[in-house]
N, C-alpha and C. Protein backbone atom coordinates (compact mmCIF):
# COMPACT_ATOMS: atom_id res chain seq x y z
N UNK A 1 -30.86 -3.39 -39.83
CA UNK A 1 -29.91 -3.66 -40.40
C UNK A 1 -29.27 -4.96 -39.19
N UNK A 2 -29.28 -6.03 -39.78
CA UNK A 2 -28.63 -7.07 -38.42
C UNK A 2 -26.92 -6.83 -38.16
N UNK A 3 -26.95 -6.51 -37.34
CA UNK A 3 -25.90 -6.46 -36.39
C UNK A 3 -25.78 -6.76 -35.21
N UNK A 4 -24.52 -7.36 -34.36
CA UNK A 4 -24.28 -7.49 -33.36
C UNK A 4 -23.34 -6.02 -32.40
N UNK A 5 -23.72 -6.19 -31.60
CA UNK A 5 -23.08 -5.67 -31.22
C UNK A 5 -22.02 -6.13 -30.11
N UNK A 6 -20.53 -6.36 -30.15
CA UNK A 6 -19.80 -6.72 -29.01
C UNK A 6 -18.50 -6.23 -28.86
N UNK A 7 -17.90 -7.22 -27.43
CA UNK A 7 -16.50 -6.01 -26.87
C UNK A 7 -15.23 -7.01 -28.17
N UNK A 8 -14.39 -5.69 -28.32
CA UNK A 8 -13.72 -6.17 -29.32
C UNK A 8 -12.29 -5.66 -28.90
N UNK A 9 -10.42 -6.32 -29.28
CA UNK A 9 -9.55 -5.06 -29.08
C UNK A 9 -9.05 -4.09 -29.72
N UNK A 10 -8.68 -2.75 -29.28
CA UNK A 10 -9.04 -1.84 -29.14
C UNK A 10 -8.67 -1.40 -30.79
N UNK A 11 -7.02 -2.56 -31.31
CA UNK A 11 -6.97 -2.08 -32.93
C UNK A 11 -8.05 -2.46 -34.16
N UNK A 12 -8.90 -3.04 -33.86
CA UNK A 12 -10.43 -4.05 -34.64
C UNK A 12 -10.59 -2.19 -34.76
N UNK A 13 -10.68 -1.32 -34.25
CA UNK A 13 -12.23 -0.51 -34.71
C UNK A 13 -11.22 0.56 -35.20
N UNK A 14 -9.56 0.82 -35.47
CA UNK A 14 -9.28 1.70 -35.63
C UNK A 14 -9.44 1.68 -37.08
N UNK A 15 -9.47 1.20 -38.18
CA UNK A 15 -9.81 1.44 -39.46
C UNK A 15 -10.96 2.07 -40.19
N UNK A 16 -12.02 1.83 -38.81
CA UNK A 16 -13.00 2.76 -39.21
C UNK A 16 -13.31 4.10 -38.40
N UNK A 17 -12.12 4.57 -37.58
CA UNK A 17 -13.04 5.53 -36.89
C UNK A 17 -11.78 6.57 -38.00
N UNK A 18 -10.39 5.21 -38.09
CA UNK A 18 -9.73 6.06 -39.34
C UNK A 18 -10.34 7.27 -40.07
N UNK A 19 -11.23 6.05 -41.01
CA UNK A 19 -12.08 6.47 -42.10
C UNK A 19 -13.26 7.77 -41.70
N UNK A 20 -13.41 7.56 -40.35
CA UNK A 20 -14.76 8.61 -39.30
C UNK A 20 -14.13 9.58 -38.68
N UNK A 21 -13.29 9.06 -38.31
CA UNK A 21 -13.13 10.71 -36.65
C UNK A 21 -11.59 11.57 -37.67
N UNK A 22 -10.78 10.97 -37.92
CA UNK A 22 -9.45 11.20 -38.62
C UNK A 22 -8.21 11.13 -40.06
N UNK A 23 -9.23 10.73 -40.99
CA UNK A 23 -9.39 10.97 -42.18
C UNK A 23 -7.67 11.98 -42.79
N UNK A 24 -7.10 12.65 -41.82
CA UNK A 24 -6.10 13.84 -41.53
C UNK A 24 -5.24 12.82 -41.55
N UNK A 25 -5.45 11.58 -41.04
CA UNK A 25 -4.37 11.31 -40.40
C UNK A 25 -3.91 9.41 -41.19
N UNK A 26 -2.94 9.40 -41.39
CA UNK A 26 -3.28 7.95 -42.06
C UNK A 26 -3.38 6.69 -41.21
N UNK A 27 -3.86 5.39 -41.72
CA UNK A 27 -3.88 4.45 -40.19
C UNK A 27 -3.01 3.70 -39.42
N UNK A 28 -1.39 4.18 -40.17
CA UNK A 28 -0.48 4.05 -39.23
C UNK A 28 -0.13 4.94 -38.41
N UNK A 29 -1.00 5.94 -38.23
CA UNK A 29 0.04 6.74 -37.50
C UNK A 29 -0.98 7.91 -36.86
N UNK A 30 -2.72 6.59 -37.05
CA UNK A 30 -3.58 6.46 -35.57
C UNK A 30 -3.42 6.09 -34.19
N UNK A 31 -3.55 6.53 -32.87
CA UNK A 31 -2.79 6.11 -32.39
C UNK A 31 -3.83 5.76 -31.64
N UNK A 32 -3.62 4.99 -29.80
CA UNK A 32 -5.08 4.83 -28.66
C UNK A 32 -4.60 6.11 -28.21
N UNK A 33 -5.95 6.93 -28.68
CA UNK A 33 -6.33 8.29 -26.92
C UNK A 33 -6.04 7.78 -25.40
N UNK A 34 -5.88 8.76 -24.74
CA UNK A 34 -5.27 8.94 -23.40
C UNK A 34 -6.82 7.49 -22.74
N UNK A 35 -5.90 6.52 -21.64
CA UNK A 35 -6.63 6.18 -21.36
C UNK A 35 -7.25 4.42 -21.91
N UNK A 36 -7.46 4.68 -23.11
CA UNK A 36 -8.11 4.36 -23.89
C UNK A 36 -7.39 2.22 -23.87
N UNK A 37 -6.72 2.35 -23.68
CA UNK A 37 -5.88 1.45 -23.23
C UNK A 37 -5.93 0.46 -22.53
N UNK A 38 -6.01 1.09 -20.77
CA UNK A 38 -6.15 1.04 -20.38
C UNK A 38 -6.93 -0.48 -19.08
N UNK A 39 -6.30 -0.74 -18.33
CA UNK A 39 -7.37 -1.61 -18.11
C UNK A 39 -8.82 -1.61 -17.20
N UNK A 40 -10.34 -2.15 -17.57
CA UNK A 40 -10.83 -1.72 -17.70
C UNK A 40 -11.90 -0.64 -18.73
N UNK A 41 -11.27 -0.36 -20.30
CA UNK A 41 -11.90 0.65 -20.85
C UNK A 41 -12.13 -0.77 -22.03
N UNK A 42 -13.50 -0.32 -22.13
CA UNK A 42 -13.87 -1.20 -23.33
C UNK A 42 -14.28 -1.16 -24.84
N UNK A 43 -14.20 -1.26 -25.45
CA UNK A 43 -14.46 -0.98 -27.04
C UNK A 43 -15.26 -2.10 -27.91
N UNK A 44 -16.32 -0.90 -28.37
CA UNK A 44 -17.40 -2.19 -28.48
C UNK A 44 -16.97 -2.03 -30.14
N UNK A 45 -17.67 -2.91 -31.23
CA UNK A 45 -17.92 -2.85 -32.53
C UNK A 45 -19.41 -3.67 -32.50
N UNK A 46 -19.67 -3.11 -33.68
CA UNK A 46 -21.31 -2.75 -34.73
C UNK A 46 -20.46 -3.87 -35.32
N UNK A 47 -21.08 -5.01 -35.58
CA UNK A 47 -20.62 -6.26 -36.55
C UNK A 47 -21.89 -7.04 -37.80
N UNK A 48 -21.36 -6.40 -38.52
CA UNK A 48 -22.38 -7.18 -39.83
C UNK A 48 -21.53 -8.49 -39.69
N UNK A 49 -23.16 -10.13 -40.15
CA UNK A 49 -22.47 -11.00 -40.69
C UNK A 49 -21.40 -11.51 -40.41
N UNK A 50 -21.12 -10.48 -41.60
CA UNK A 50 -19.34 -11.73 -42.67
C UNK A 50 -18.43 -10.83 -41.56
N UNK A 51 -18.79 -9.94 -40.26
CA UNK A 51 -18.02 -9.81 -39.81
C UNK A 51 -16.63 -8.00 -39.82
N UNK A 52 -17.42 -7.20 -40.63
CA UNK A 52 -17.25 -6.07 -40.65
C UNK A 52 -17.59 -4.95 -39.42
N UNK A 53 -16.71 -4.39 -39.20
CA UNK A 53 -17.07 -3.39 -38.69
C UNK A 53 -16.92 -1.92 -39.36
N UNK A 54 -18.87 -2.38 -38.42
CA UNK A 54 -19.10 -0.78 -39.19
C UNK A 54 -20.21 0.44 -38.53
N UNK A 55 -19.06 0.17 -37.00
CA UNK A 55 -19.53 1.48 -36.29
C UNK A 55 -18.47 0.73 -34.79
N UNK A 56 -18.26 2.09 -33.98
CA UNK A 56 -18.09 1.81 -32.65
C UNK A 56 -17.58 2.47 -31.85
N UNK A 57 -17.11 2.63 -31.00
CA UNK A 57 -17.03 3.07 -29.69
C UNK A 57 -15.82 2.87 -28.29
N UNK A 58 -15.70 3.79 -27.69
CA UNK A 58 -14.88 3.23 -26.56
C UNK A 58 -15.65 4.20 -25.09
N UNK A 59 -15.54 3.09 -24.35
CA UNK A 59 -15.64 3.06 -22.67
C UNK A 59 -15.04 3.47 -21.52
N UNK A 60 -14.18 4.93 -21.05
CA UNK A 60 -13.19 4.42 -20.26
C UNK A 60 -13.79 5.17 -19.10
N UNK A 61 -12.83 4.76 -17.63
CA UNK A 61 -13.06 5.43 -16.74
C UNK A 61 -12.81 7.22 -16.91
N UNK A 62 -12.71 8.26 -16.94
CA UNK A 62 -12.12 9.21 -16.69
C UNK A 62 -12.74 10.30 -15.66
N UNK A 63 -12.74 11.01 -15.28
CA UNK A 63 -13.03 12.15 -14.08
C UNK A 63 -13.92 12.99 -15.40
N UNK A 64 -15.39 13.24 -15.55
CA UNK A 64 -15.78 15.13 -15.61
C UNK A 64 -15.38 15.49 -14.78
N UNK A 65 -14.07 17.10 -15.65
CA UNK A 65 -13.73 17.95 -15.01
C UNK A 65 -15.10 18.92 -15.13
N UNK A 66 -16.23 18.71 -15.04
CA UNK A 66 -17.52 20.20 -14.23
C UNK A 66 -18.50 19.60 -13.68
N UNK A 67 -17.93 18.07 -12.68
CA UNK A 67 -18.26 17.57 -12.07
C UNK A 67 -17.62 16.73 -11.13
N UNK A 68 -16.55 17.40 -11.15
CA UNK A 68 -14.86 16.32 -9.99
C UNK A 68 -15.44 15.65 -8.81
N UNK A 69 -16.62 15.53 -8.67
CA UNK A 69 -16.85 14.91 -7.37
C UNK A 69 -17.53 13.84 -7.39
N UNK A 70 -17.85 13.77 -8.57
CA UNK A 70 -18.74 12.37 -9.29
C UNK A 70 -16.98 10.97 -9.28
N UNK A 71 -16.98 10.32 -8.37
CA UNK A 71 -15.96 9.61 -8.75
C UNK A 71 -16.79 8.17 -9.57
N UNK A 72 -17.64 8.20 -9.91
CA UNK A 72 -18.93 6.94 -11.13
C UNK A 72 -18.54 7.54 -12.64
N UNK A 73 -17.85 8.84 -12.90
CA UNK A 73 -17.70 9.10 -14.36
C UNK A 73 -16.53 8.17 -15.16
N UNK A 74 -17.59 7.88 -16.87
CA UNK A 74 -17.09 7.46 -17.31
C UNK A 74 -17.23 8.16 -18.83
N UNK A 75 -15.87 8.38 -18.99
CA UNK A 75 -16.06 9.33 -20.76
C UNK A 75 -16.11 8.05 -21.95
N UNK A 76 -16.71 8.85 -22.93
CA UNK A 76 -17.17 7.65 -24.41
C UNK A 76 -16.68 8.60 -25.35
N UNK A 77 -15.69 8.06 -25.75
CA UNK A 77 -14.98 8.36 -26.59
C UNK A 77 -14.91 7.74 -28.44
N UNK A 78 -14.19 7.54 -29.76
CA UNK A 78 -14.38 7.49 -30.91
C UNK A 78 -15.53 6.75 -31.38
N UNK A 79 -16.70 7.01 -30.87
CA UNK A 79 -18.18 7.34 -31.85
C UNK A 79 -18.02 6.88 -33.29
N UNK A 80 -17.96 5.96 -33.87
CA UNK A 80 -18.16 5.96 -35.64
C UNK A 80 -18.90 5.07 -35.70
N UNK A 81 -19.92 5.60 -37.40
CA UNK A 81 -20.32 4.83 -38.00
C UNK A 81 -20.41 4.73 -39.24
N UNK A 82 -19.95 3.78 -39.89
CA UNK A 82 -19.58 4.00 -41.55
C UNK A 82 -20.92 5.37 -42.31
N UNK A 83 -20.04 6.08 -42.45
CA UNK A 83 -20.74 6.72 -43.89
C UNK A 83 -22.37 6.49 -44.73
N UNK A 84 -22.08 5.02 -44.79
CA UNK A 84 -22.74 4.56 -45.59
C UNK A 84 -23.92 4.35 -45.25
N UNK A 85 -24.16 3.63 -43.46
CA UNK A 85 -24.79 2.68 -43.25
C UNK A 85 -25.17 2.90 -41.83
N UNK A 86 -25.47 5.00 -41.93
CA UNK A 86 -26.06 5.88 -40.76
C UNK A 86 -27.71 6.06 -41.15
N UNK A 87 -28.54 5.09 -39.79
CA UNK A 87 -29.19 6.22 -39.97
C UNK A 87 -30.48 4.59 -40.03
N UNK A 88 -29.84 3.52 -39.60
CA UNK A 88 -30.15 2.49 -39.58
C UNK A 88 -29.98 1.67 -37.79
N UNK A 89 -29.77 2.79 -36.58
CA UNK A 89 -29.40 1.60 -35.81
C UNK A 89 -28.34 1.21 -35.40
N UNK A 90 -27.38 1.84 -36.08
CA UNK A 90 -25.49 1.54 -35.34
C UNK A 90 -25.15 2.14 -34.44
N UNK A 91 -25.51 3.36 -34.28
CA UNK A 91 -25.14 4.15 -33.38
C UNK A 91 -25.49 4.12 -32.10
N UNK A 92 -27.26 3.92 -32.57
CA UNK A 92 -27.95 4.19 -31.11
C UNK A 92 -27.74 2.69 -30.51
N UNK A 93 -27.50 1.54 -31.05
CA UNK A 93 -27.30 0.00 -30.34
C UNK A 93 -26.08 0.11 -29.79
N UNK A 94 -24.73 1.20 -30.72
CA UNK A 94 -23.71 0.92 -29.93
C UNK A 94 -23.60 1.74 -27.86
N UNK A 95 -24.33 3.35 -28.53
CA UNK A 95 -24.74 3.69 -27.15
C UNK A 95 -25.46 2.76 -26.59
N UNK A 96 -26.29 2.40 -26.77
CA UNK A 96 -26.83 1.63 -25.60
C UNK A 96 -26.41 0.73 -24.81
N UNK A 97 -25.28 -0.05 -25.75
CA UNK A 97 -24.48 -1.17 -25.33
C UNK A 97 -23.34 -0.45 -24.20
N UNK A 98 -22.37 1.02 -24.33
CA UNK A 98 -22.35 1.68 -23.39
C UNK A 98 -22.37 2.25 -22.40
N UNK A 99 -24.18 2.26 -22.86
CA UNK A 99 -24.72 2.87 -21.00
C UNK A 99 -25.09 1.85 -20.39
N UNK A 100 -26.08 0.16 -21.11
CA UNK A 100 -25.84 -0.78 -20.61
C UNK A 100 -24.15 -1.33 -19.33
N UNK A 101 -23.46 -1.24 -20.26
CA UNK A 101 -22.20 -1.42 -19.34
C UNK A 101 -22.05 -0.57 -18.46
N UNK A 102 -22.34 0.56 -18.18
CA UNK A 102 -22.37 1.49 -17.28
C UNK A 102 -23.46 1.41 -16.27
N UNK A 103 -24.51 0.88 -16.37
CA UNK A 103 -25.15 0.41 -15.05
C UNK A 103 -25.00 -0.92 -14.50
N UNK A 104 -24.14 -2.06 -15.59
CA UNK A 104 -23.06 -3.12 -14.67
C UNK A 104 -22.90 -3.12 -14.40
N UNK A 105 -22.35 -1.45 -14.16
CA UNK A 105 -20.92 -1.50 -13.19
C UNK A 105 -20.99 -0.92 -12.53
N UNK A 106 -22.42 -0.58 -11.90
CA UNK A 106 -23.26 0.52 -10.68
C UNK A 106 -24.13 1.93 -10.90
N UNK A 107 -24.02 1.71 -12.71
CA UNK A 107 -24.09 2.91 -12.51
C UNK A 107 -23.44 4.05 -12.47
N UNK A 108 -23.66 5.39 -13.08
CA UNK A 108 -23.20 7.10 -13.03
C UNK A 108 -23.11 7.67 -13.63
N UNK A 109 -21.83 8.43 -14.02
CA UNK A 109 -22.13 9.93 -15.01
C UNK A 109 -21.40 9.11 -16.18
N UNK A 110 -22.14 9.64 -17.46
CA UNK A 110 -21.49 9.60 -18.75
C UNK A 110 -21.65 10.52 -19.18
N UNK A 111 -20.01 11.01 -19.86
CA UNK A 111 -20.09 12.01 -20.93
C UNK A 111 -19.22 11.73 -22.24
N UNK A 112 -19.22 12.80 -22.64
CA UNK A 112 -18.56 12.83 -24.15
C UNK A 112 -18.30 14.69 -25.07
N UNK A 113 -17.14 14.49 -25.48
CA UNK A 113 -17.28 16.09 -26.50
C UNK A 113 -17.37 15.03 -27.83
N UNK A 114 -18.26 15.92 -27.95
CA UNK A 114 -19.37 15.34 -29.75
C UNK A 114 -19.68 16.25 -30.78
N UNK A 115 -18.87 15.81 -31.92
CA UNK A 115 -19.05 17.22 -32.54
C UNK A 115 -20.40 17.64 -32.48
N UNK A 116 -20.87 18.29 -33.41
CA UNK A 116 -21.72 19.32 -33.12
C UNK A 116 -22.66 19.13 -33.99
N UNK A 117 -22.23 17.71 -35.17
CA UNK A 117 -23.45 17.14 -35.80
C UNK A 117 -24.09 16.73 -35.21
N UNK A 118 -23.21 15.60 -34.41
CA UNK A 118 -24.32 14.39 -34.11
C UNK A 118 -24.53 15.01 -32.54
N UNK A 119 -24.98 16.28 -32.27
CA UNK A 119 -25.24 16.82 -30.91
C UNK A 119 -26.68 15.95 -30.48
N UNK A 120 -27.69 15.91 -31.66
CA UNK A 120 -28.90 15.38 -31.78
C UNK A 120 -28.78 14.16 -31.56
N UNK A 121 -28.02 13.42 -32.19
CA UNK A 121 -28.76 11.85 -31.77
C UNK A 121 -27.62 11.65 -30.52
N UNK A 122 -26.88 12.56 -30.27
CA UNK A 122 -26.99 12.38 -28.33
C UNK A 122 -27.93 12.42 -27.39
N UNK A 123 -28.53 13.48 -27.98
CA UNK A 123 -29.97 14.55 -26.88
C UNK A 123 -30.61 12.78 -27.26
N UNK A 124 -31.10 12.80 -28.24
CA UNK A 124 -31.42 10.79 -28.59
C UNK A 124 -31.93 10.34 -27.95
N UNK A 125 -30.20 9.83 -26.98
CA UNK A 125 -30.28 9.18 -26.03
C UNK A 125 -29.40 9.39 -24.59
N UNK A 126 -29.84 10.93 -24.59
CA UNK A 126 -30.64 11.20 -23.05
C UNK A 126 -29.12 12.72 -22.42
N UNK A 127 -28.50 12.30 -23.25
CA UNK A 127 -27.44 13.32 -23.18
C UNK A 127 -27.87 14.39 -23.05
N UNK A 128 -27.22 16.11 -22.40
CA UNK A 128 -27.76 17.05 -22.36
C UNK A 128 -26.31 18.41 -22.92
N UNK A 129 -26.73 18.95 -23.53
CA UNK A 129 -24.87 19.85 -23.23
C UNK A 129 -25.02 21.02 -22.63
N UNK A 130 -23.81 20.84 -21.70
CA UNK A 130 -22.46 21.72 -21.59
C UNK A 130 -21.82 22.60 -21.81
N UNK A 131 -22.37 23.59 -21.32
CA UNK A 131 -21.50 24.31 -21.39
C UNK A 131 -21.31 24.78 -23.44
N UNK A 132 -20.33 26.37 -23.57
CA UNK A 132 -19.82 26.56 -24.94
C UNK A 132 -19.04 25.06 -26.10
N UNK A 133 -19.58 25.62 -27.18
CA UNK A 133 -18.66 25.00 -28.48
C UNK A 133 -17.70 25.19 -28.23
N UNK A 134 -16.27 24.83 -28.76
CA UNK A 134 -15.68 24.71 -29.45
C UNK A 134 -15.26 24.46 -29.94
N UNK A 135 -13.69 24.78 -31.04
CA UNK A 135 -13.31 24.05 -32.29
C UNK A 135 -12.06 23.43 -32.33
N UNK A 136 -12.17 22.13 -32.77
CA UNK A 136 -10.88 21.49 -32.25
C UNK A 136 -10.11 21.28 -34.42
N UNK A 137 -9.00 21.76 -33.65
CA UNK A 137 -8.10 21.71 -34.78
C UNK A 137 -8.44 20.47 -36.55
N UNK A 138 -8.46 20.40 -36.76
CA UNK A 138 -8.77 19.11 -38.04
C UNK A 138 -10.32 18.42 -38.30
N UNK A 139 -11.20 19.24 -37.40
CA UNK A 139 -12.52 18.02 -36.93
C UNK A 139 -13.38 18.69 -36.97
N UNK A 140 -13.47 20.14 -36.20
CA UNK A 140 -14.91 20.81 -36.26
C UNK A 140 -14.77 21.00 -34.88
N UNK A 141 -16.18 21.92 -35.17
CA UNK A 141 -16.45 22.28 -33.39
C UNK A 141 -17.41 20.78 -32.71
N UNK A 142 -17.53 20.98 -31.38
CA UNK A 142 -17.86 20.44 -30.40
C UNK A 142 -18.36 20.72 -29.52
N UNK A 143 -19.03 19.98 -28.95
CA UNK A 143 -19.64 20.65 -27.25
C UNK A 143 -19.59 18.98 -26.66
N UNK A 144 -19.26 19.83 -24.77
CA UNK A 144 -19.73 18.43 -23.84
C UNK A 144 -21.31 18.25 -23.43
N UNK A 145 -20.55 16.82 -23.56
CA UNK A 145 -22.32 15.85 -23.22
C UNK A 145 -22.72 15.61 -21.99
N UNK A 146 -23.28 15.19 -21.85
CA UNK A 146 -23.39 14.19 -20.16
C UNK A 146 -24.82 13.56 -20.08
N UNK A 147 -25.17 12.85 -19.02
CA UNK A 147 -26.36 11.91 -18.54
C UNK A 147 -25.70 11.12 -17.97
N UNK A 148 -26.76 11.11 -16.91
CA UNK A 148 -26.65 9.76 -15.64
C UNK A 148 -27.16 8.41 -16.08
N UNK A 149 -26.24 7.10 -15.32
CA UNK A 149 -26.97 6.08 -16.14
C UNK A 149 -27.67 5.37 -14.72
N UNK A 150 -28.74 5.06 -14.37
CA UNK A 150 -29.20 4.69 -13.36
C UNK A 150 -29.33 2.94 -13.27
N UNK A 151 -28.35 1.79 -12.35
CA UNK A 151 -28.35 0.71 -12.99
C UNK A 151 -29.40 -0.32 -13.42
N UNK A 152 -30.59 0.37 -12.00
CA UNK A 152 -32.18 0.20 -12.79
C UNK A 152 -32.94 0.08 -14.03
N UNK A 153 -32.10 0.81 -14.21
CA UNK A 153 -33.59 2.02 -14.98
C UNK A 153 -32.65 1.37 -16.61
N UNK A 154 -31.00 1.85 -16.83
CA UNK A 154 -30.72 1.43 -17.85
C UNK A 154 -30.20 0.14 -18.36
N UNK A 155 -29.85 -0.92 -17.55
CA UNK A 155 -29.55 -2.59 -17.41
C UNK A 155 -29.74 -2.75 -18.67
N UNK A 156 -31.01 -2.81 -19.49
CA UNK A 156 -31.39 -4.07 -19.63
C UNK A 156 -32.32 -3.42 -20.92
N UNK A 157 -31.88 -2.26 -21.65
CA UNK A 157 -32.76 -1.15 -23.19
C UNK A 157 -33.18 -1.46 -23.29
């Protein structure tokens, strides 16, 4: 699929995130999650040639509770790919750019609370699940996942 992944303003990602991640809310009810608008947070979008957002994710600095000694932790959240375009490498392209961003900022640990159906997607990206699954109301079962990012190996994936 012909896409490019670019940093975009947060609000550019809200319609897709609403449709895929929070369909029980109206677009007007969508609000940024804590930390998403902090300086240094990165909103990425997979864009078609006609600028349609078909994939997205947010990367922000946030400690990983399971490894509080790591000062180099980044949290991935808001990963979404348009339902009609899954299976074409869009999510992998967004995740790859996130990993490159962390690598370009010295590397470190990247973590997320993944929806259980997306677990294998993150595993293919080098993530490991840790801890038990839990339920998020209105959304479903989740599991925490993480991986280390090496600034040399992961800089140009």
